[in-house]
Amino acid sequence: MTYSPALLSSVARQLQRVFEADHQLPSDQEELIRQVARMVLYLLRHNMNQFLHILYRIDVEEHKVKRAMLAASEEEVADNIARLIVERELLKAQIRFRYSQN
């Protein structure tokens, strides 16, 4: 699905806050997923508590996370979870936009 640049930019800013990233995240969807996957991989290796807190805060569905964790490598797990995170934030941004129009 194609998303508007404004929506992607909003999601990138939100994820920058959630992950406390010290650099600006890209507004391109695939590049955003790659950047989030790098941060997820780091957290998986070094700070599982913060990783779980972020998943809870973003409200990623637990059964989807469990399925994503079944991947063969840590890198695949990180990529799968990054896609879930970006997908969830896009959905939340769409809902915010829709209700702000009414």
PDB file of N, CA and C in Angstrom:
ATOM      1  N   MET A   1       0.839  -1.178   0.000  1.00  0.00           N
ATOM      2  CA  MET A   1       0.000   0.000   0.000  1.00  0.00           C
ATOM      3  C   MET A   1       0.885   1.242   0.000  1.00  0.00           C
ATOM      4  N   THR A   2       0.468   2.247  -0.725  1.00  0.00           N
ATOM      5  CA  THR A   2       1.223   3.488  -0.811  1.00  0.00           C
ATOM      6  C   THR A   2       0.642   4.499   0.173  1.00  0.00           C
ATOM      7  N   TYR A   3       1.514   5.114   0.935  1.00  0.00           N
ATOM      8  CA  TYR A   3       1.096   6.093   1.933  1.00  0.00           C
ATOM      9  C   TYR A   3       1.598   7.467   1.533  1.00  0.00           C
ATOM     10  N   SER A   4       0.898   8.492   1.979  1.00  0.00           N
ATOM     11  CA  SER A   4       1.293   9.858   1.651  1.00  0.00           C
ATOM     12  C   SER A   4       2.598  10.207   2.364  1.00  0.00           C
ATOM     13  N   PRO A   5       3.382  11.101   1.758  1.00  0.00           N
ATOM     14  CA  PRO A   5       4.628  11.533   2.409  1.00  0.00           C
ATOM     15  C   PRO A   5       4.384  12.144   3.791  1.00  0.00           C
ATOM     16  N   ALA A   6       3.270  12.863   3.945  1.00  0.00           N
ATOM     17  CA  ALA A   6       2.969  13.480   5.238  1.00  0.00           C
ATOM     18  C   ALA A   6       2.723  12.420   6.305  1.00  0.00           C
ATOM     19  N   LEU A   7       2.016  11.366   5.935  1.00  0.00           N
ATOM     20  CA  LEU A   7       1.734  10.283   6.876  1.00  0.00           C
ATOM     21  C   LEU A   7       3.021   9.558   7.265  1.00  0.00           C
ATOM     22  N   LEU A   8       3.856   9.259   6.280  1.00  0.00           N
ATOM     23  CA  LEU A   8       5.129   8.583   6.551  1.00  0.00           C
ATOM     24  C   LEU A   8       6.044   9.455   7.409  1.00  0.00           C
ATOM     25  N   SER A   9       6.036  10.742   7.144  1.00  0.00           N
ATOM     26  CA  SER A   9       6.851  11.666   7.932  1.00  0.00           C
ATOM     27  C   SER A   9       6.374  11.702   9.386  1.00  0.00           C
ATOM     28  N   SER A  10       5.065  11.692   9.568  1.00  0.00           N
ATOM     29  CA  SER A  10       4.492  11.673  10.913  1.00  0.00           C
ATOM     30  C   SER A  10       4.894  10.399  11.658  1.00  0.00           C
ATOM     31  N   VAL A  11       4.840   9.274  10.975  1.00  0.00           N
ATOM     32  CA  VAL A  11       5.229   7.994  11.577  1.00  0.00           C
ATOM     33  C   VAL A  11       6.719   7.997  11.914  1.00  0.00           C
ATOM     34  N   ALA A  12       7.535   8.531  11.021  1.00  0.00           N
ATOM     35  CA  ALA A  12       8.979   8.588  11.264  1.00  0.00           C
ATOM     36  C   ALA A  12       9.279   9.422  12.515  1.00  0.00           C
ATOM     37  N   ARG A  13       8.604  10.570  12.652  1.00  0.00           N
ATOM     38  CA  ARG A  13       8.809  11.416  13.840  1.00  0.00           C
ATOM     39  C   ARG A  13       8.371  10.697  15.118  1.00  0.00           C
ATOM     40  N   GLN A  14       7.229  10.015  15.051  1.00  0.00           N
ATOM     41  CA  GLN A  14       6.738   9.283  16.224  1.00  0.00           C
ATOM     42  C   GLN A  14       7.705   8.173  16.624  1.00  0.00           C
ATOM     43  N   LEU A  15       8.189   7.426  15.646  1.00  0.00           N
ATOM     44  CA  LEU A  15       9.125   6.337  15.955  1.00  0.00           C
ATOM     45  C   LEU A  15      10.457   6.876  16.462  1.00  0.00           C
ATOM     46  N   GLN A  16      10.849   8.038  15.977  1.00  0.00           N
ATOM     47  CA  GLN A  16      12.076   8.670  16.478  1.00  0.00           C
ATOM     48  C   GLN A  16      11.920   8.959  17.972  1.00  0.00           C
ATOM     49  N   ARG A  17      10.733   9.441  18.374  1.00  0.00           N
ATOM     50  CA  ARG A  17      10.473   9.701  19.798  1.00  0.00           C
ATOM     51  C   ARG A  17      10.431   8.395  20.598  1.00  0.00           C
ATOM     52  N   VAL A  18       9.720   7.400  20.081  1.00  0.00           N
ATOM     53  CA  VAL A  18       9.556   6.139  20.809  1.00  0.00           C
ATOM     54  C   VAL A  18      10.896   5.453  21.036  1.00  0.00           C
ATOM     55  N   PHE A  19      11.734   5.428  19.996  1.00  0.00           N
ATOM     56  CA  PHE A  19      13.035   4.761  20.100  1.00  0.00           C
ATOM     57  C   PHE A  19      14.113   5.680  20.667  1.00  0.00           C
ATOM     58  N   GLU A  20      13.745   6.932  20.942  1.00  0.00           N
ATOM     59  CA  GLU A  20      14.692   7.920  21.451  1.00  0.00           C
ATOM     60  C   GLU A  20      15.922   7.994  20.555  1.00  0.00           C
ATOM     61  N   ALA A  21      15.664   7.986  19.246  1.00  0.00           N
ATOM     62  CA  ALA A  21      16.750   8.039  18.263  1.00  0.00           C
ATOM     63  C   ALA A  21      17.338   9.442  18.231  1.00  0.00           C
ATOM     64  N   ASP A  22      18.648   9.517  18.157  1.00  0.00           N
ATOM     65  CA  ASP A  22      19.310  10.820  18.116  1.00  0.00           C
ATOM     66  C   ASP A  22      19.490  11.320  16.689  1.00  0.00           C
ATOM     67  N   HIS A  23      18.976  10.600  15.732  1.00  0.00           N
ATOM     68  CA  HIS A  23      19.033  11.018  14.335  1.00  0.00           C
ATOM     69  C   HIS A  23      17.628  10.945  13.739  1.00  0.00           C
ATOM     70  N   GLN A  24      17.409  11.747  12.713  1.00  0.00           N
ATOM     71  CA  GLN A  24      16.102  11.785  12.067  1.00  0.00           C
ATOM     72  C   GLN A  24      15.891  10.509  11.254  1.00  0.00           C
ATOM     73  N   LEU A  25      14.730   9.901  11.415  1.00  0.00           N
ATOM     74  CA  LEU A  25      14.409   8.696  10.659  1.00  0.00           C
ATOM     75  C   LEU A  25      13.853   9.082   9.291  1.00  0.00           C
ATOM     76  N   PRO A  26      14.116   8.275   8.272  1.00  0.00           N
ATOM     77  CA  PRO A  26      13.683   8.603   6.909  1.00  0.00           C
ATOM     78  C   PRO A  26      12.168   8.501   6.743  1.00  0.00           C
ATOM     79  N   SER A  27      11.644   9.231   5.754  1.00  0.00           N
ATOM     80  CA  SER A  27      10.215   9.211   5.451  1.00  0.00           C
ATOM     81  C   SER A  27       9.870   8.203   4.365  1.00  0.00           C
ATOM     82  N   ASP A  28      10.869   7.543   3.798  1.00  0.00           N
ATOM     83  CA  ASP A  28      10.636   6.494   2.811  1.00  0.00           C
ATOM     84  C   ASP A  28      10.301   5.209   3.574  1.00  0.00           C
ATOM     85  N   GLN A  29       9.199   4.553   3.211  1.00  0.00           N
ATOM     86  CA  GLN A  29       8.721   3.414   3.990  1.00  0.00           C
ATOM     87  C   GLN A  29       9.747   2.291   4.111  1.00  0.00           C
ATOM     88  N   GLU A  30      10.347   1.875   3.026  1.00  0.00           N
ATOM     89  CA  GLU A  30      11.306   0.764   3.097  1.00  0.00           C
ATOM     90  C   GLU A  30      12.568   1.150   3.867  1.00  0.00           C
ATOM     91  N   GLU A  31      13.027   2.376   3.678  1.00  0.00           N
ATOM     92  CA  GLU A  31      14.208   2.828   4.426  1.00  0.00           C
ATOM     93  C   GLU A  31      13.871   2.974   5.911  1.00  0.00           C
ATOM     94  N   LEU A  32      12.659   3.423   6.203  1.00  0.00           N
ATOM     95  CA  LEU A  32      12.215   3.520   7.596  1.00  0.00           C
ATOM     96  C   LEU A  32      12.209   2.135   8.246  1.00  0.00           C
ATOM     97  N   ILE A  33      11.705   1.146   7.531  1.00  0.00           N
ATOM     98  CA  ILE A  33      11.695  -0.226   8.057  1.00  0.00           C
ATOM     99  C   ILE A  33      13.119  -0.704   8.312  1.00  0.00           C
ATOM    100  N   ARG A  34      14.042  -0.404   7.394  1.00  0.00           N
ATOM    101  CA  ARG A  34      15.445  -0.817   7.585  1.00  0.00           C
ATOM    102  C   ARG A  34      16.047  -0.171   8.834  1.00  0.00           C
ATOM    103  N   GLN A  35      15.785   1.126   9.012  1.00  0.00           N
ATOM    104  CA  GLN A  35      16.332   1.828  10.186  1.00  0.00           C
ATOM    105  C   GLN A  35      15.732   1.277  11.485  1.00  0.00           C
ATOM    106  N   VAL A  36      14.422   1.051  11.477  1.00  0.00           N
ATOM    107  CA  VAL A  36      13.766   0.501  12.669  1.00  0.00           C
ATOM    108  C   VAL A  36      14.295  -0.906  12.946  1.00  0.00           C
ATOM    109  N   ALA A  37      14.515  -1.691  11.900  1.00  0.00           N
ATOM    110  CA  ALA A  37      15.057  -3.049  12.073  1.00  0.00           C
ATOM    111  C   ALA A  37      16.430  -3.005  12.740  1.00  0.00           C
ATOM    112  N   ARG A  38      17.256  -2.029  12.384  1.00  0.00           N
ATOM    113  CA  ARG A  38      18.576  -1.896  13.028  1.00  0.00           C
ATOM    114  C   ARG A  38      18.427  -1.610  14.521  1.00  0.00           C
ATOM    115  N   MET A  39      17.483  -0.714  14.847  1.00  0.00           N
ATOM    116  CA  MET A  39      17.272  -0.384  16.257  1.00  0.00           C
ATOM    117  C   MET A  39      16.687  -1.579  17.014  1.00  0.00           C
ATOM    118  N   VAL A  40      15.778  -2.301  16.377  1.00  0.00           N
ATOM    119  CA  VAL A  40      15.189  -3.492  16.996  1.00  0.00           C
ATOM    120  C   VAL A  40      16.271  -4.542  17.242  1.00  0.00           C
ATOM    121  N   LEU A  41      17.123  -4.767  16.260  1.00  0.00           N
ATOM    122  CA  LEU A  41      18.197  -5.750  16.406  1.00  0.00           C
ATOM    123  C   LEU A  41      19.112  -5.380  17.570  1.00  0.00           C
ATOM    124  N   TYR A  42      19.465  -4.108  17.672  1.00  0.00           N
ATOM    125  CA  TYR A  42      20.301  -3.653  18.785  1.00  0.00           C
ATOM    126  C   TYR A  42      19.612  -3.953  20.123  1.00  0.00           C
ATOM    127  N   LEU A  43      18.321  -3.606  20.210  1.00  0.00           N
ATOM    128  CA  LEU A  43      17.598  -3.833  21.464  1.00  0.00           C
ATOM    129  C   LEU A  43      17.452  -5.321  21.773  1.00  0.00           C
ATOM    130  N   LEU A  44      17.226  -6.129  20.763  1.00  0.00           N
ATOM    131  CA  LEU A  44      17.138  -7.578  20.980  1.00  0.00           C
ATOM    132  C   LEU A  44      18.425  -8.121  21.589  1.00  0.00           C
ATOM    133  N   ARG A  45      19.541  -7.576  21.153  1.00  0.00           N
ATOM    134  CA  ARG A  45      20.843  -8.060  21.622  1.00  0.00           C
ATOM    135  C   ARG A  45      21.276  -7.451  22.952  1.00  0.00           C
ATOM    136  N   HIS A  46      20.845  -6.204  23.221  1.00  0.00           N
ATOM    137  CA  HIS A  46      21.419  -5.478  24.354  1.00  0.00           C
ATOM    138  C   HIS A  46      20.440  -5.008  25.425  1.00  0.00           C
ATOM    139  N   ASN A  47      19.150  -4.897  25.099  1.00  0.00           N
ATOM    140  CA  ASN A  47      18.222  -4.352  26.091  1.00  0.00           C
ATOM    141  C   ASN A  47      16.809  -4.887  25.847  1.00  0.00           C
ATOM    142  N   MET A  48      16.597  -6.136  26.203  1.00  0.00           N
ATOM    143  CA  MET A  48      15.309  -6.788  25.964  1.00  0.00           C
ATOM    144  C   MET A  48      14.168  -6.091  26.696  1.00  0.00           C
ATOM    145  N   ASN A  49      14.427  -5.576  27.903  1.00  0.00           N
ATOM    146  CA  ASN A  49      13.369  -4.887  28.647  1.00  0.00           C
ATOM    147  C   ASN A  49      12.873  -3.661  27.901  1.00  0.00           C
ATOM    148  N   GLN A  50      13.789  -2.863  27.380  1.00  0.00           N
ATOM    149  CA  GLN A  50      13.381  -1.676  26.627  1.00  0.00           C
ATOM    150  C   GLN A  50      12.642  -2.089  25.352  1.00  0.00           C
ATOM    151  N   PHE A  51      13.116  -3.135  24.696  1.00  0.00           N
ATOM    152  CA  PHE A  51      12.460  -3.637  23.494  1.00  0.00           C
ATOM    153  C   PHE A  51      11.010  -4.020  23.795  1.00  0.00           C
ATOM    154  N   LEU A  52      10.793  -4.775  24.867  1.00  0.00           N
ATOM    155  CA  LEU A  52       9.438  -5.189  25.239  1.00  0.00           C
ATOM    156  C   LEU A  52       8.579  -3.993  25.622  1.00  0.00           C
ATOM    157  N   HIS A  53       9.175  -3.025  26.298  1.00  0.00           N
ATOM    158  CA  HIS A  53       8.446  -1.806  26.658  1.00  0.00           C
ATOM    159  C   HIS A  53       7.988  -1.058  25.401  1.00  0.00           C
ATOM    160  N   ILE A  54       8.849  -0.973  24.408  1.00  0.00           N
ATOM    161  CA  ILE A  54       8.497  -0.290  23.159  1.00  0.00           C
ATOM    162  C   ILE A  54       7.362  -1.024  22.452  1.00  0.00           C
ATOM    163  N   LEU A  55       7.439  -2.345  22.397  1.00  0.00           N
ATOM    164  CA  LEU A  55       6.356  -3.114  21.763  1.00  0.00           C
ATOM    165  C   LEU A  55       5.035  -2.876  22.488  1.00  0.00           C
ATOM    166  N   TYR A  56       5.082  -2.833  23.813  1.00  0.00           N
ATOM    167  CA  TYR A  56       3.879  -2.572  24.605  1.00  0.00           C
ATOM    168  C   TYR A  56       3.364  -1.162  24.333  1.00  0.00           C
ATOM    169  N   ARG A  57       4.264  -0.205  24.307  1.00  0.00           N
ATOM    170  CA  ARG A  57       3.889   1.195  24.098  1.00  0.00           C
ATOM    171  C   ARG A  57       3.267   1.406  22.721  1.00  0.00           C
ATOM    172  N   ILE A  58       3.815   0.764  21.707  1.00  0.00           N
ATOM    173  CA  ILE A  58       3.297   0.896  20.344  1.00  0.00           C
ATOM    174  C   ILE A  58       2.021   0.080  20.183  1.00  0.00           C
ATOM    175  N   ASP A  59       1.851  -0.944  21.016  1.00  0.00           N
ATOM    176  CA  ASP A  59       0.672  -1.802  21.000  1.00  0.00           C
ATOM    177  C   ASP A  59       0.667  -2.748  19.804  1.00  0.00           C
ATOM    178  N   VAL A  60       1.820  -3.388  19.592  1.00  0.00           N
ATOM    179  CA  VAL A  60       1.917  -4.414  18.551  1.00  0.00           C
ATOM    180  C   VAL A  60       1.286  -5.685  19.115  1.00  0.00           C
ATOM    181  N   GLU A  61       0.462  -6.342  18.314  1.00  0.00           N
ATOM    182  CA  GLU A  61      -0.246  -7.535  18.779  1.00  0.00           C
ATOM    183  C   GLU A  61       0.737  -8.654  19.134  1.00  0.00           C
ATOM    184  N   GLU A  62       0.533  -9.225  20.314  1.00  0.00           N
ATOM    185  CA  GLU A  62       1.458 -10.231  20.844  1.00  0.00           C
ATOM    186  C   GLU A  62       1.582 -11.454  19.935  1.00  0.00           C
ATOM    187  N   HIS A  63       0.469 -11.927  19.385  1.00  0.00           N
ATOM    188  CA  HIS A  63       0.544 -13.124  18.539  1.00  0.00           C
ATOM    189  C   HIS A  63       1.335 -12.859  17.258  1.00  0.00           C
ATOM    190  N   LYS A  64       1.293 -11.623  16.764  1.00  0.00           N
ATOM    191  CA  LYS A  64       2.085 -11.274  15.581  1.00  0.00           C
ATOM    192  C   LYS A  64       3.572 -11.238  15.925  1.00  0.00           C
ATOM    193  N   VAL A  65       3.890 -10.728  17.107  1.00  0.00           N
ATOM    194  CA  VAL A  65       5.290 -10.687  17.550  1.00  0.00           C
ATOM    195  C   VAL A  65       5.820 -12.106  17.720  1.00  0.00           C
ATOM    196  N   LYS A  66       5.027 -12.967  18.327  1.00  0.00           N
ATOM    197  CA  LYS A  66       5.452 -14.360  18.514  1.00  0.00           C
ATOM    198  C   LYS A  66       5.727 -15.026  17.170  1.00  0.00           C
ATOM    199  N   ARG A  67       4.863 -14.769  16.194  1.00  0.00           N
ATOM    200  CA  ARG A  67       5.064 -15.336  14.858  1.00  0.00           C
ATOM    201  C   ARG A  67       6.339 -14.770  14.229  1.00  0.00           C
ATOM    202  N   ALA A  68       6.564 -13.474  14.403  1.00  0.00           N
ATOM    203  CA  ALA A  68       7.755 -12.827  13.839  1.00  0.00           C
ATOM    204  C   ALA A  68       9.033 -13.372  14.469  1.00  0.00           C
ATOM    205  N   MET A  69       8.947 -13.781  15.728  1.00  0.00           N
ATOM    206  CA  MET A  69      10.123 -14.289  16.444  1.00  0.00           C
ATOM    207  C   MET A  69      10.541 -15.687  15.984  1.00  0.00           C
ATOM    208  N   LEU A  70       9.740 -16.321  15.165  1.00  0.00           N
ATOM    209  CA  LEU A  70      10.051 -17.670  14.695  1.00  0.00           C
ATOM    210  C   LEU A  70      11.016 -17.690  13.513  1.00  0.00           C
ATOM    211  N   ALA A  71      11.415 -16.530  13.037  1.00  0.00           N
ATOM    212  CA  ALA A  71      12.326 -16.459  11.888  1.00  0.00           C
ATOM    213  C   ALA A  71      13.650 -17.144  12.212  1.00  0.00           C
ATOM    214  N   ALA A  72      14.368 -17.499  11.163  1.00  0.00           N
ATOM    215  CA  ALA A  72      15.599 -18.283  11.299  1.00  0.00           C
ATOM    216  C   ALA A  72      16.759 -17.509  11.920  1.00  0.00           C
ATOM    217  N   SER A  73      16.846 -16.219  11.655  1.00  0.00           N
ATOM    218  CA  SER A  73      17.988 -15.442  12.157  1.00  0.00           C
ATOM    219  C   SER A  73      17.501 -14.215  12.922  1.00  0.00           C
ATOM    220  N   GLU A  74      18.387 -13.658  13.739  1.00  0.00           N
ATOM    221  CA  GLU A  74      18.065 -12.429  14.475  1.00  0.00           C
ATOM    222  C   GLU A  74      17.723 -11.296  13.523  1.00  0.00           C
ATOM    223  N   GLU A  75      18.438 -11.236  12.399  1.00  0.00           N
ATOM    224  CA  GLU A  75      18.200 -10.176  11.426  1.00  0.00           C
ATOM    225  C   GLU A  75      16.797 -10.278  10.835  1.00  0.00           C
ATOM    226  N   GLU A  76      16.358 -11.498  10.552  1.00  0.00           N
ATOM    227  CA  GLU A  76      14.998 -11.697  10.034  1.00  0.00           C
ATOM    228  C   GLU A  76      13.958 -11.348  11.090  1.00  0.00           C
ATOM    229  N   VAL A  77      14.228 -11.727  12.324  1.00  0.00           N
ATOM    230  CA  VAL A  77      13.326 -11.389  13.424  1.00  0.00           C
ATOM    231  C   VAL A  77      13.201  -9.874  13.516  1.00  0.00           C
ATOM    232  N   ALA A  78      14.332  -9.172  13.500  1.00  0.00           N
ATOM    233  CA  ALA A  78      14.329  -7.712  13.595  1.00  0.00           C
ATOM    234  C   ALA A  78      13.567  -7.091  12.433  1.00  0.00           C
ATOM    235  N   ASP A  79      13.775  -7.608  11.222  1.00  0.00           N
ATOM    236  CA  ASP A  79      13.068  -7.084  10.055  1.00  0.00           C
ATOM    237  C   ASP A  79      11.564  -7.327  10.177  1.00  0.00           C
ATOM    238  N   ASN A  80      11.178  -8.522  10.577  1.00  0.00           N
ATOM    239  CA  ASN A  80       9.753  -8.837  10.737  1.00  0.00           C
ATOM    240  C   ASN A  80       9.095  -7.933  11.777  1.00  0.00           C
ATOM    241  N   ILE A  81       9.770  -7.737  12.893  1.00  0.00           N
ATOM    242  CA  ILE A  81       9.208  -6.906  13.957  1.00  0.00           C
ATOM    243  C   ILE A  81       9.185  -5.440  13.540  1.00  0.00           C
ATOM    244  N   ALA A  82      10.214  -4.998  12.826  1.00  0.00           N
ATOM    245  CA  ALA A  82      10.223  -3.620  12.325  1.00  0.00           C
ATOM    246  C   ALA A  82       9.027  -3.380  11.411  1.00  0.00           C
ATOM    247  N   ARG A  83       8.719  -4.338  10.565  1.00  0.00           N
ATOM    248  CA  ARG A  83       7.546  -4.216   9.683  1.00  0.00           C
ATOM    249  C   ARG A  83       6.259  -4.130  10.499  1.00  0.00           C
ATOM    250  N   LEU A  84       6.155  -4.927  11.554  1.00  0.00           N
ATOM    251  CA  LEU A  84       4.976  -4.861  12.421  1.00  0.00           C
ATOM    252  C   LEU A  84       4.866  -3.498  13.102  1.00  0.00           C
ATOM    253  N   ILE A  85       5.991  -2.979  13.565  1.00  0.00           N
ATOM    254  CA  ILE A  85       6.006  -1.683  14.248  1.00  0.00           C
ATOM    255  C   ILE A  85       5.583  -0.573  13.294  1.00  0.00           C
ATOM    256  N   VAL A  86       6.181  -0.543  12.117  1.00  0.00           N
ATOM    257  CA  VAL A  86       5.848   0.512  11.146  1.00  0.00           C
ATOM    258  C   VAL A  86       4.391   0.372  10.709  1.00  0.00           C
ATOM    259  N   GLU A  87       3.952  -0.851  10.474  1.00  0.00           N
ATOM    260  CA  GLU A  87       2.558  -1.096  10.080  1.00  0.00           C
ATOM    261  C   GLU A  87       1.596  -0.579  11.148  1.00  0.00           C
ATOM    262  N   ARG A  88       1.890  -0.862  12.408  1.00  0.00           N
ATOM    263  CA  ARG A  88       1.024  -0.422  13.508  1.00  0.00           C
ATOM    264  C   ARG A  88       1.017   1.096  13.624  1.00  0.00           C
ATOM    265  N   GLU A  89       2.177   1.714  13.514  1.00  0.00           N
ATOM    266  CA  GLU A  89       2.239   3.176  13.602  1.00  0.00           C
ATOM    267  C   GLU A  89       1.533   3.836  12.418  1.00  0.00           C
ATOM    268  N   LEU A  90       1.614   3.239  11.239  1.00  0.00           N
ATOM    269  CA  LEU A  90       0.887   3.774  10.080  1.00  0.00           C
ATOM    270  C   LEU A  90      -0.618   3.699  10.314  1.00  0.00           C
ATOM    271  N   LEU A  91      -1.079   2.606  10.862  1.00  0.00           N
ATOM    272  CA  LEU A  91      -2.504   2.462  11.160  1.00  0.00           C
ATOM    273  C   LEU A  91      -2.951   3.520  12.166  1.00  0.00           C
ATOM    274  N   LYS A  92      -2.171   3.710  13.219  1.00  0.00           N
ATOM    275  CA  LYS A  92      -2.508   4.714  14.226  1.00  0.00           C
ATOM    276  C   LYS A  92      -2.509   6.118  13.628  1.00  0.00           C
ATOM    277  N   ALA A  93      -1.546   6.406  12.755  1.00  0.00           N
ATOM    278  CA  ALA A  93      -1.476   7.727  12.116  1.00  0.00           C
ATOM    279  C   ALA A  93      -2.675   7.943  11.196  1.00  0.00           C
ATOM    280  N   GLN A  94      -3.076   6.906  10.467  1.00  0.00           N
ATOM    281  CA  GLN A  94      -4.255   7.020   9.602  1.00  0.00           C
ATOM    282  C   GLN A  94      -5.504   7.307  10.427  1.00  0.00           C
ATOM    283  N   ILE A  95      -5.648   6.634  11.545  1.00  0.00           N
ATOM    284  CA  ILE A  95      -6.808   6.849  12.411  1.00  0.00           C
ATOM    285  C   ILE A  95      -6.803   8.271  12.957  1.00  0.00           C
ATOM    286  N   ARG A  96      -5.640   8.747  13.422  1.00  0.00           N
ATOM    287  CA  ARG A  96      -5.546  10.125  13.928  1.00  0.00           C
ATOM    288  C   ARG A  96      -5.926  11.116  12.839  1.00  0.00           C
ATOM    289  N   PHE A  97      -5.424  10.895  11.626  1.00  0.00           N
ATOM    290  CA  PHE A  97      -5.716  11.796  10.513  1.00  0.00           C
ATOM    291  C   PHE A  97      -7.207  11.776  10.189  1.00  0.00           C
ATOM    292  N   ARG A  98      -7.790  10.590  10.128  1.00  0.00           N
ATOM    293  CA  ARG A  98      -9.211  10.455   9.784  1.00  0.00           C
ATOM    294  C   ARG A  98     -10.080  11.191  10.794  1.00  0.00           C
ATOM    295  N   TYR A  99      -9.784  11.033  12.086  1.00  0.00           N
ATOM    296  CA  TYR A  99     -10.614  11.666  13.103  1.00  0.00           C
ATOM    297  C   TYR A  99     -10.320  13.151  13.267  1.00  0.00           C
ATOM    298  N   SER A 100      -9.169  13.599  12.842  1.00  0.00           N
ATOM    299  CA  SER A 100      -8.884  15.039  12.907  1.00  0.00           C
ATOM    300  C   SER A 100      -9.626  15.786  11.803  1.00  0.00           C
ATOM    301  N   GLN A 101     -10.056  15.071  10.771  1.00  0.00           N
ATOM    302  CA  GLN A 101     -10.796  15.684   9.669  1.00  0.00           C
ATOM    303  C   GLN A 101     -12.268  15.900  10.017  1.00  0.00           C
ATOM    304  N   ASN A 102     -12.765  15.181  11.012  1.00  0.00           N
ATOM    305  CA  ASN A 102     -14.195  15.277  11.376  1.00  0.00           C
ATOM    306  C   ASN A 102     -14.449  16.316  12.417  1.00  0.00           C
TER     307      ASN A 102
END
